[in-house]
N, C-alpha and C. Protein backbone atom coordinates (compact mmCIF):
# COMPACT_ATOMS: atom_id res chain seq x y z
N MET A 1 -106.85 -20.52 -118.77
CA MET A 1 -107.17 -19.96 -117.49
C MET A 1 -108.42 -20.67 -116.98
N HIS A 2 -108.36 -21.12 -115.64
CA HIS A 2 -109.60 -21.83 -115.25
C HIS A 2 -109.95 -21.37 -113.83
N LYS A 3 -109.07 -21.03 -112.95
CA LYS A 3 -109.36 -20.50 -111.58
C LYS A 3 -109.35 -18.92 -111.54
N ILE A 4 -110.55 -18.52 -111.18
CA ILE A 4 -110.74 -17.11 -111.14
C ILE A 4 -111.23 -16.61 -109.81
N LEU A 5 -110.62 -15.45 -109.29
CA LEU A 5 -110.87 -15.03 -107.98
C LEU A 5 -111.65 -13.70 -108.23
N ILE A 6 -112.91 -13.52 -107.69
CA ILE A 6 -113.65 -12.31 -107.74
C ILE A 6 -113.50 -11.54 -106.55
N VAL A 7 -113.04 -10.30 -106.52
CA VAL A 7 -112.92 -9.61 -105.31
C VAL A 7 -113.99 -8.37 -105.46
N ASP A 8 -114.96 -8.32 -104.70
CA ASP A 8 -116.06 -7.25 -104.63
C ASP A 8 -116.84 -7.39 -103.33
N ASP A 9 -117.05 -6.21 -102.74
CA ASP A 9 -117.75 -6.14 -101.53
C ASP A 9 -119.37 -6.31 -101.66
N SER A 10 -119.75 -6.24 -102.84
CA SER A 10 -121.27 -6.45 -103.18
C SER A 10 -121.57 -7.93 -103.34
N PRO A 11 -122.38 -8.47 -102.37
CA PRO A 11 -122.81 -10.06 -102.65
C PRO A 11 -123.62 -10.15 -104.04
N THR A 12 -124.25 -9.11 -104.48
CA THR A 12 -125.00 -9.26 -105.64
C THR A 12 -124.12 -9.20 -106.89
N GLU A 13 -123.02 -8.38 -106.87
CA GLU A 13 -122.00 -8.39 -107.93
C GLU A 13 -121.12 -9.79 -108.03
N ARG A 14 -120.94 -10.25 -106.71
CA ARG A 14 -120.12 -11.50 -106.67
C ARG A 14 -120.93 -12.68 -107.32
N TYR A 15 -122.30 -12.58 -106.90
CA TYR A 15 -123.08 -13.74 -107.52
C TYR A 15 -123.29 -13.57 -108.93
N TYR A 16 -123.49 -12.28 -109.54
CA TYR A 16 -123.53 -12.12 -110.92
C TYR A 16 -122.32 -12.60 -111.75
N LEU A 17 -121.33 -12.24 -111.24
CA LEU A 17 -120.01 -12.64 -111.98
C LEU A 17 -119.74 -14.23 -111.80
N THR A 18 -119.90 -14.71 -110.64
CA THR A 18 -119.68 -16.07 -110.33
C THR A 18 -120.68 -16.93 -111.34
N ASP A 19 -122.03 -16.54 -111.51
CA ASP A 19 -122.91 -17.25 -112.34
C ASP A 19 -122.44 -17.34 -113.72
N ILE A 20 -121.93 -16.08 -114.30
CA ILE A 20 -121.37 -16.08 -115.63
C ILE A 20 -120.36 -17.04 -115.80
N LEU A 21 -119.37 -16.99 -115.01
CA LEU A 21 -118.09 -17.73 -115.01
C LEU A 21 -118.32 -19.24 -114.83
N VAL A 22 -119.12 -19.53 -113.92
CA VAL A 22 -119.43 -21.04 -113.51
C VAL A 22 -120.07 -21.64 -114.77
N LYS A 23 -121.05 -20.96 -115.37
CA LYS A 23 -121.83 -21.66 -116.44
C LYS A 23 -120.86 -21.79 -117.75
N ASN A 24 -119.82 -21.03 -117.70
CA ASN A 24 -118.80 -21.23 -118.78
C ASN A 24 -117.52 -22.07 -118.31
N GLY A 25 -117.70 -22.82 -117.26
CA GLY A 25 -116.64 -23.79 -116.93
C GLY A 25 -115.56 -23.34 -116.12
N PHE A 26 -115.63 -22.11 -115.62
CA PHE A 26 -114.48 -21.75 -114.66
C PHE A 26 -114.82 -22.06 -113.27
N ALA A 27 -113.55 -22.24 -112.58
CA ALA A 27 -113.68 -22.49 -111.14
C ALA A 27 -113.48 -21.18 -110.41
N VAL A 28 -114.52 -20.74 -109.52
CA VAL A 28 -114.50 -19.45 -109.04
C VAL A 28 -114.41 -19.39 -107.40
N SER A 29 -113.50 -18.45 -106.91
CA SER A 29 -113.56 -18.15 -105.41
C SER A 29 -113.77 -16.68 -105.40
N THR A 30 -114.28 -16.26 -104.20
CA THR A 30 -114.49 -14.87 -104.00
C THR A 30 -113.81 -14.42 -102.70
N ALA A 31 -113.79 -13.03 -102.77
CA ALA A 31 -113.34 -12.27 -101.54
C ALA A 31 -114.09 -10.99 -101.47
N ASP A 32 -114.42 -10.48 -100.31
CA ASP A 32 -115.22 -9.31 -100.22
C ASP A 32 -114.44 -8.07 -99.84
N ASN A 33 -112.95 -8.26 -99.83
CA ASN A 33 -112.32 -7.01 -99.58
C ASN A 33 -110.83 -7.34 -100.04
N GLY A 34 -110.02 -6.25 -100.11
CA GLY A 34 -108.72 -6.55 -100.67
C GLY A 34 -107.77 -7.40 -99.85
N GLU A 35 -107.99 -7.13 -98.56
CA GLU A 35 -106.99 -8.01 -97.62
C GLU A 35 -107.36 -9.53 -97.83
N GLU A 36 -108.58 -9.72 -97.73
CA GLU A 36 -108.96 -11.25 -97.97
C GLU A 36 -108.58 -11.67 -99.42
N ALA A 37 -108.53 -10.80 -100.39
CA ALA A 37 -107.98 -11.34 -101.69
C ALA A 37 -106.65 -11.66 -101.59
N LEU A 38 -105.76 -10.95 -101.02
CA LEU A 38 -104.40 -11.18 -101.02
C LEU A 38 -104.18 -12.65 -100.20
N VAL A 39 -104.82 -12.72 -99.17
CA VAL A 39 -104.75 -14.06 -98.45
C VAL A 39 -105.11 -15.12 -99.35
N LYS A 40 -106.31 -15.03 -100.15
CA LYS A 40 -106.87 -16.06 -101.01
C LYS A 40 -105.87 -16.36 -102.18
N MET A 41 -105.30 -15.22 -102.67
CA MET A 41 -104.32 -15.49 -103.85
C MET A 41 -103.15 -16.33 -103.38
N ARG A 42 -102.71 -16.10 -102.30
CA ARG A 42 -101.46 -16.93 -101.80
C ARG A 42 -101.88 -18.38 -101.55
N ALA A 43 -103.13 -18.57 -101.03
CA ALA A 43 -103.64 -19.99 -100.84
C ALA A 43 -104.19 -20.76 -102.01
N ASP A 44 -105.01 -20.01 -102.83
CA ASP A 44 -105.55 -20.60 -103.98
C ASP A 44 -104.91 -20.53 -105.37
N ARG A 45 -104.03 -19.63 -105.43
CA ARG A 45 -103.40 -19.36 -106.58
C ARG A 45 -104.12 -19.28 -107.84
N PRO A 46 -105.07 -18.20 -107.98
CA PRO A 46 -105.98 -18.00 -108.97
C PRO A 46 -105.12 -17.64 -110.19
N GLU A 47 -105.69 -17.89 -111.49
CA GLU A 47 -105.08 -17.57 -112.68
C GLU A 47 -105.52 -16.20 -113.33
N LEU A 48 -106.59 -15.67 -112.52
CA LEU A 48 -107.08 -14.38 -113.00
C LEU A 48 -107.90 -13.71 -111.86
N ILE A 49 -107.87 -12.43 -111.78
CA ILE A 49 -108.65 -11.82 -110.66
C ILE A 49 -109.44 -10.76 -111.36
N LEU A 50 -110.67 -10.68 -110.80
CA LEU A 50 -111.64 -9.62 -111.25
C LEU A 50 -111.82 -8.81 -110.02
N MET A 51 -111.37 -7.56 -110.10
CA MET A 51 -111.26 -6.62 -108.97
C MET A 51 -112.09 -5.50 -109.02
N ASP A 52 -113.04 -5.26 -107.94
CA ASP A 52 -113.79 -4.10 -107.82
C ASP A 52 -112.75 -2.93 -107.28
N VAL A 53 -113.15 -1.67 -107.46
CA VAL A 53 -112.45 -0.72 -106.83
C VAL A 53 -112.86 -0.18 -105.57
N VAL A 54 -114.18 0.23 -105.43
CA VAL A 54 -114.74 0.86 -104.30
C VAL A 54 -115.09 -0.27 -103.25
N MET A 55 -114.22 -0.38 -102.14
CA MET A 55 -114.33 -1.58 -101.18
C MET A 55 -113.90 -0.86 -99.73
N PRO A 56 -114.38 -1.35 -98.77
CA PRO A 56 -113.89 -1.02 -97.43
C PRO A 56 -112.42 -1.49 -97.32
N GLY A 57 -111.69 -0.73 -96.53
CA GLY A 57 -110.22 -1.08 -96.34
C GLY A 57 -109.46 -0.63 -97.58
N ALA A 58 -108.50 -1.40 -98.00
CA ALA A 58 -107.63 -1.13 -99.12
C ALA A 58 -108.64 -1.12 -100.46
N ASN A 59 -108.62 -0.10 -101.38
CA ASN A 59 -109.39 -0.07 -102.51
C ASN A 59 -108.81 -0.95 -103.74
N GLY A 60 -109.48 -1.23 -104.69
CA GLY A 60 -109.09 -2.20 -105.74
C GLY A 60 -107.93 -1.53 -106.39
N PHE A 61 -107.60 -0.31 -106.49
CA PHE A 61 -106.33 0.23 -107.09
C PHE A 61 -105.00 -0.19 -106.25
N GLN A 62 -105.38 -0.07 -104.96
CA GLN A 62 -104.20 -0.26 -104.05
C GLN A 62 -103.97 -1.80 -103.98
N VAL A 63 -104.95 -2.57 -104.08
CA VAL A 63 -104.71 -3.98 -104.12
C VAL A 63 -104.04 -4.56 -105.39
N THR A 64 -104.51 -3.93 -106.54
CA THR A 64 -103.93 -4.27 -107.82
C THR A 64 -102.35 -3.79 -107.86
N ARG A 65 -102.14 -2.60 -107.25
CA ARG A 65 -100.79 -2.13 -107.23
C ARG A 65 -99.92 -3.17 -106.38
N SER A 66 -100.50 -3.68 -105.34
CA SER A 66 -99.78 -4.61 -104.24
C SER A 66 -99.45 -5.87 -105.15
N ILE A 67 -100.43 -6.45 -105.85
CA ILE A 67 -100.21 -7.57 -106.60
C ILE A 67 -99.23 -7.40 -107.80
N ALA A 68 -99.20 -6.27 -108.36
CA ALA A 68 -98.20 -5.94 -109.52
C ALA A 68 -96.75 -5.80 -108.97
N ARG A 69 -96.74 -5.58 -107.71
CA ARG A 69 -95.31 -5.27 -107.24
C ARG A 69 -94.77 -6.51 -106.34
N ASP A 70 -95.53 -7.50 -106.13
CA ASP A 70 -95.30 -8.58 -105.44
C ASP A 70 -94.76 -9.76 -106.46
N PRO A 71 -93.38 -10.08 -106.47
CA PRO A 71 -92.81 -11.14 -107.34
C PRO A 71 -93.67 -12.38 -107.46
N GLU A 72 -94.29 -12.90 -106.25
CA GLU A 72 -94.91 -14.18 -106.26
C GLU A 72 -96.26 -13.96 -107.08
N LEU A 73 -96.82 -12.72 -106.96
CA LEU A 73 -98.45 -12.63 -107.61
C LEU A 73 -98.24 -11.91 -108.87
N ALA A 74 -97.24 -11.20 -109.34
CA ALA A 74 -97.21 -10.20 -110.36
C ALA A 74 -97.72 -10.88 -111.58
N ALA A 75 -97.49 -12.07 -111.88
CA ALA A 75 -97.82 -12.82 -113.10
C ALA A 75 -99.48 -12.94 -113.26
N VAL A 76 -100.16 -12.87 -112.20
CA VAL A 76 -101.58 -13.03 -112.14
C VAL A 76 -102.14 -11.88 -112.81
N PRO A 77 -103.00 -11.95 -113.83
CA PRO A 77 -103.54 -10.78 -114.48
C PRO A 77 -104.79 -10.46 -113.62
N VAL A 78 -105.02 -9.04 -113.52
CA VAL A 78 -106.05 -8.32 -112.96
C VAL A 78 -107.00 -7.58 -113.95
N ILE A 79 -108.26 -7.93 -113.88
CA ILE A 79 -109.27 -7.06 -114.58
C ILE A 79 -110.08 -6.43 -113.63
N ILE A 80 -110.05 -5.00 -113.75
CA ILE A 80 -110.78 -4.15 -112.93
C ILE A 80 -112.32 -4.23 -113.35
N CYS A 81 -113.26 -4.40 -112.50
CA CYS A 81 -114.65 -4.28 -112.89
C CYS A 81 -115.14 -3.34 -111.93
N SER A 82 -115.51 -1.99 -112.25
CA SER A 82 -115.84 -0.95 -111.34
C SER A 82 -117.02 -0.22 -111.83
N SER A 83 -117.63 0.50 -110.80
CA SER A 83 -118.66 1.45 -111.19
C SER A 83 -118.04 2.78 -111.51
N LYS A 84 -116.82 3.03 -111.35
CA LYS A 84 -116.12 4.24 -111.64
C LYS A 84 -115.86 4.22 -113.24
N ASN A 85 -116.58 5.06 -113.79
CA ASN A 85 -116.70 5.13 -115.24
C ASN A 85 -115.92 6.25 -115.96
N GLN A 86 -115.01 6.91 -115.25
CA GLN A 86 -114.35 8.05 -115.89
C GLN A 86 -113.10 7.44 -116.57
N GLU A 87 -112.64 8.10 -117.60
CA GLU A 87 -111.48 7.69 -118.40
C GLU A 87 -110.21 7.74 -117.54
N THR A 88 -110.15 8.82 -116.52
CA THR A 88 -108.96 8.86 -115.62
C THR A 88 -109.04 7.64 -114.68
N ASP A 89 -110.14 7.03 -114.18
CA ASP A 89 -110.18 5.85 -113.41
C ASP A 89 -109.56 4.82 -114.16
N ARG A 90 -109.94 4.60 -115.59
CA ARG A 90 -109.36 3.42 -116.35
C ARG A 90 -107.94 3.52 -116.55
N ILE A 91 -107.41 4.78 -116.82
CA ILE A 91 -106.04 4.98 -116.87
C ILE A 91 -105.25 4.64 -115.68
N TRP A 92 -105.87 5.11 -114.41
CA TRP A 92 -105.25 4.98 -113.18
C TRP A 92 -105.23 3.48 -112.95
N GLY A 93 -106.23 2.79 -113.12
CA GLY A 93 -106.44 1.37 -112.97
C GLY A 93 -105.24 0.61 -113.74
N MET A 94 -105.08 1.01 -114.95
CA MET A 94 -104.05 0.33 -115.95
C MET A 94 -102.74 0.63 -115.45
N ARG A 95 -102.52 1.84 -114.87
CA ARG A 95 -101.10 2.11 -114.37
C ARG A 95 -100.77 1.46 -113.08
N GLN A 96 -101.85 0.93 -112.43
CA GLN A 96 -101.58 0.15 -111.17
C GLN A 96 -101.25 -1.36 -111.44
N GLY A 97 -101.40 -1.59 -112.73
CA GLY A 97 -100.96 -2.92 -113.17
C GLY A 97 -102.24 -3.82 -113.65
N ALA A 98 -103.39 -3.28 -113.69
CA ALA A 98 -104.51 -3.97 -114.32
C ALA A 98 -104.33 -4.28 -115.81
N ARG A 99 -104.66 -5.40 -116.22
CA ARG A 99 -104.67 -5.70 -117.65
C ARG A 99 -105.75 -5.25 -118.49
N ASP A 100 -106.98 -4.96 -117.91
CA ASP A 100 -108.07 -4.58 -118.54
C ASP A 100 -109.07 -3.82 -117.48
N TYR A 101 -110.01 -3.12 -118.02
CA TYR A 101 -111.00 -2.33 -117.14
C TYR A 101 -112.29 -2.35 -117.62
N PHE A 102 -113.24 -2.84 -116.89
CA PHE A 102 -114.75 -2.87 -117.33
C PHE A 102 -115.52 -1.92 -116.33
N VAL A 103 -116.44 -1.25 -116.82
CA VAL A 103 -117.48 -0.47 -116.08
C VAL A 103 -118.72 -1.40 -115.86
N LYS A 104 -119.09 -1.44 -114.62
CA LYS A 104 -120.40 -2.13 -114.27
C LYS A 104 -121.63 -1.47 -114.82
N PRO A 105 -122.50 -2.33 -115.32
CA PRO A 105 -122.60 -3.80 -115.23
C PRO A 105 -121.73 -4.38 -116.39
N VAL A 106 -121.01 -5.35 -116.11
CA VAL A 106 -120.15 -6.11 -116.93
C VAL A 106 -121.00 -6.87 -117.97
N ASP A 107 -120.66 -6.59 -119.24
CA ASP A 107 -121.22 -7.52 -120.28
C ASP A 107 -120.66 -8.82 -120.23
N PRO A 108 -121.45 -9.95 -120.27
CA PRO A 108 -120.84 -11.20 -120.16
C PRO A 108 -120.10 -11.67 -121.43
N THR A 109 -120.42 -11.32 -122.55
CA THR A 109 -119.89 -11.63 -123.65
C THR A 109 -118.53 -11.02 -123.83
N GLN A 110 -118.42 -9.74 -123.43
CA GLN A 110 -117.10 -9.08 -123.55
C GLN A 110 -116.16 -9.55 -122.60
N LEU A 111 -116.69 -9.96 -121.27
CA LEU A 111 -115.84 -10.35 -120.24
C LEU A 111 -115.30 -11.63 -120.66
N LEU A 112 -116.07 -12.58 -121.15
CA LEU A 112 -115.56 -13.95 -121.72
C LEU A 112 -114.55 -13.79 -122.69
N ALA A 113 -114.85 -12.79 -123.65
CA ALA A 113 -113.86 -12.57 -124.77
C ALA A 113 -112.58 -12.08 -124.27
N ARG A 114 -112.53 -11.19 -123.27
CA ARG A 114 -111.31 -10.57 -122.77
C ARG A 114 -110.56 -11.65 -121.97
N ILE A 115 -111.27 -12.55 -121.15
CA ILE A 115 -110.66 -13.67 -120.50
C ILE A 115 -109.98 -14.62 -121.45
N ALA A 116 -110.66 -14.91 -122.59
CA ALA A 116 -110.01 -15.76 -123.63
C ALA A 116 -108.82 -15.22 -124.17
N ALA A 117 -109.02 -13.84 -124.43
CA ALA A 117 -107.77 -13.18 -125.15
C ALA A 117 -106.56 -13.18 -124.07
N LEU A 118 -106.80 -13.09 -122.71
CA LEU A 118 -105.74 -13.09 -121.76
C LEU A 118 -105.08 -14.49 -121.74
N GLY A 119 -105.86 -15.58 -121.97
CA GLY A 119 -105.39 -16.88 -121.77
C GLY A 119 -104.70 -17.33 -123.14
N ALA A 120 -104.71 -16.57 -124.22
CA ALA A 120 -104.17 -17.08 -125.43
C ALA A 120 -102.67 -16.72 -125.51
């Protein structure tokens, strides 16, 4: 896994995740909402998506569900990175098609380990 798309409406969060990933050799693109993410997915073909939940327009759960139901995009794993920290949020995210769920702030070591596990 090399190309990662970060979807988050927070510039600070996009910068934080981009910094971690670029320093570890990943190519990163970003989107600040779900609609932009779907457009970028089709154009850039990322190998992994880090998805926020609370965003304007379509939320991360809705976008993750759209990805999981689209035959062209369904193979791309989604990891949700959200401030929503309830167990019900994690379960709902996984039911929408996410492969993993992190509560912000994301621990860099754990994130890199999960990315490596998905790529194995």
